Each structure stands twice: as C-alpha cells, then as structure tokens.
Amino acid sequence: MPKLRPKVPATDTEGDFGRFSNFVRRLMAVPHDELKARLDAEKEAKRTASASASPGSGEVSRER
C-alpha cells in the first residue's frame, strides 16, 4: 500500500522559490525595532553570561 502524501495547496506551485519568497516576506514584515530589541537582549545575555563564567573575573593574583 503506497504512502499517502498530504494534499499540497495550489499556492505552493512555485516550489523552493515559493518557500523562499514566503520566508522573506514574513521576515520583512517584522518591525526593525523588534529585531533590534531582541538582538540587544541576546548580546546582553551573552555578555553577562561570559563575564560571570570567567574565573577570577577582573581579579589579579599576587601568588609567586
């Protein structure tokens, strides 16, 4: 018995280019301010995580 494929809507007749176009259309619909806020939050989270993870962050050892 052959596997049944899901019915493809008629709007997906363009194939890969259609999927790419749809992706770009959705990407461009996101406001710049929202993207900027998410990127800034991600940078801050990475900065604070790496600063707290480094041993002796900023301390100078005087061992000889």
C-alpha atoms as a PDB file:
ATOM      1  CA  MET A   1       0.000   0.000   0.000  1.00  0.00           C
ATOM      2  CA  PRO A   2       1.627   3.305  -1.064  1.00  0.00           C
ATOM      3  CA  LYS A   3       2.075   6.112   1.425  1.00  0.00           C
ATOM      4  CA  LEU A   4      -0.424   8.897   1.043  1.00  0.00           C
ATOM      5  CA  ARG A   5       1.046  12.332   0.583  1.00  0.00           C
ATOM      6  CA  PRO A   6      -0.621  15.349   2.162  1.00  0.00           C
ATOM      7  CA  LYS A   7      -2.588  17.455  -0.246  1.00  0.00           C
ATOM      8  CA  VAL A   8      -0.437  20.377  -1.422  1.00  0.00           C
ATOM      9  CA  PRO A   9      -2.288  23.680  -1.689  1.00  0.00           C
ATOM     10  CA  ALA A  10      -2.408  25.265  -5.127  1.00  0.00           C
ATOM     11  CA  THR A  11      -0.440  28.266  -3.840  1.00  0.00           C
ATOM     12  CA  ASP A  12       2.703  26.116  -3.438  1.00  0.00           C
ATOM     13  CA  THR A  13       3.198  25.565  -7.155  1.00  0.00           C
ATOM     14  CA  GLU A  14       6.449  27.584  -7.167  1.00  0.00           C
ATOM     15  CA  GLY A  15       8.399  25.023  -5.120  1.00  0.00           C
ATOM     16  CA  ASP A  16      11.592  26.098  -3.377  1.00  0.00           C
ATOM     17  CA  PHE A  17      11.429  29.646  -4.697  1.00  0.00           C
ATOM     18  CA  GLY A  18       7.894  29.979  -3.352  1.00  0.00           C
ATOM     19  CA  ARG A  19       9.007  28.846   0.098  1.00  0.00           C
ATOM     20  CA  PHE A  20      11.947  31.246  -0.010  1.00  0.00           C
ATOM     21  CA  SER A  21       9.723  34.127  -1.110  1.00  0.00           C
ATOM     22  CA  ASN A  22       7.276  33.353   1.678  1.00  0.00           C
ATOM     23  CA  PHE A  23      10.124  33.293   4.218  1.00  0.00           C
ATOM     24  CA  VAL A  24      11.490  36.642   3.032  1.00  0.00           C
ATOM     25  CA  ARG A  25       8.010  38.169   3.043  1.00  0.00           C
ATOM     26  CA  ARG A  26       7.483  37.079   6.675  1.00  0.00           C
ATOM     27  CA  LEU A  27      10.970  38.246   7.655  1.00  0.00           C
ATOM     28  CA  MET A  28      10.442  41.686   6.169  1.00  0.00           C
ATOM     29  CA  ALA A  29       7.122  42.012   8.000  1.00  0.00           C
ATOM     30  CA  VAL A  30       8.910  42.101  11.384  1.00  0.00           C
ATOM     31  CA  PRO A  31       9.492  45.700  12.534  1.00  0.00           C
ATOM     32  CA  HIS A  32      13.118  46.845  12.832  1.00  0.00           C
ATOM     33  CA  ASP A  33      12.619  47.963  16.441  1.00  0.00           C
ATOM     34  CA  GLU A  34      11.522  44.461  17.450  1.00  0.00           C
ATOM     35  CA  LEU A  35      14.550  42.850  15.796  1.00  0.00           C
ATOM     36  CA  LYS A  36      16.901  45.403  17.367  1.00  0.00           C
ATOM     37  CA  ALA A  37      15.442  44.823  20.836  1.00  0.00           C
ATOM     38  CA  ARG A  38      15.837  41.034  20.520  1.00  0.00           C
ATOM     39  CA  LEU A  39      19.430  41.335  19.280  1.00  0.00           C
ATOM     40  CA  ASP A  40      20.361  43.750  22.072  1.00  0.00           C
ATOM     41  CA  ALA A  41      18.825  41.443  24.687  1.00  0.00           C
ATOM     42  CA  GLU A  42      20.714  38.462  23.267  1.00  0.00           C
ATOM     43  CA  LYS A  43      24.024  40.387  23.264  1.00  0.00           C
ATOM     44  CA  GLU A  44      23.482  41.484  26.865  1.00  0.00           C
ATOM     45  CA  ALA A  45      22.668  37.928  27.959  1.00  0.00           C
ATOM     46  CA  LYS A  46      25.812  36.586  26.285  1.00  0.00           C
ATOM     47  CA  ARG A  47      27.944  39.383  27.746  1.00  0.00           C
ATOM     48  CA  THR A  48      26.723  38.823  31.299  1.00  0.00           C
ATOM     49  CA  ALA A  49      26.958  35.030  30.968  1.00  0.00           C
ATOM     50  CA  SER A  50      30.552  35.144  29.728  1.00  0.00           C
ATOM     51  CA  ALA A  51      31.578  37.722  32.351  1.00  0.00           C
ATOM     52  CA  SER A  52      30.190  35.631  35.213  1.00  0.00           C
ATOM     53  CA  ALA A  53      31.595  32.376  33.812  1.00  0.00           C
ATOM     54  CA  SER A  54      35.214  33.529  33.571  1.00  0.00           C
ATOM     55  CA  PRO A  55      37.242  32.555  36.652  1.00  0.00           C
ATOM     56  CA  GLY A  56      38.532  35.444  38.713  1.00  0.00           C
ATOM     57  CA  SER A  57      36.800  37.958  36.514  1.00  0.00           C
ATOM     58  CA  GLY A  58      38.998  41.010  36.835  1.00  0.00           C
ATOM     59  CA  GLU A  59      40.911  39.898  39.931  1.00  0.00           C
ATOM     60  CA  VAL A  60      44.695  39.932  39.835  1.00  0.00           C
ATOM     61  CA  SER A  61      46.517  37.101  41.545  1.00  0.00           C
ATOM     62  CA  ARG A  62      49.669  38.014  43.532  1.00  0.00           C
ATOM     63  CA  GLU A  63      50.956  34.471  44.014  1.00  0.00           C
ATOM     64  CA  ARG A  64      54.658  33.892  43.387  1.00  0.00           C
END
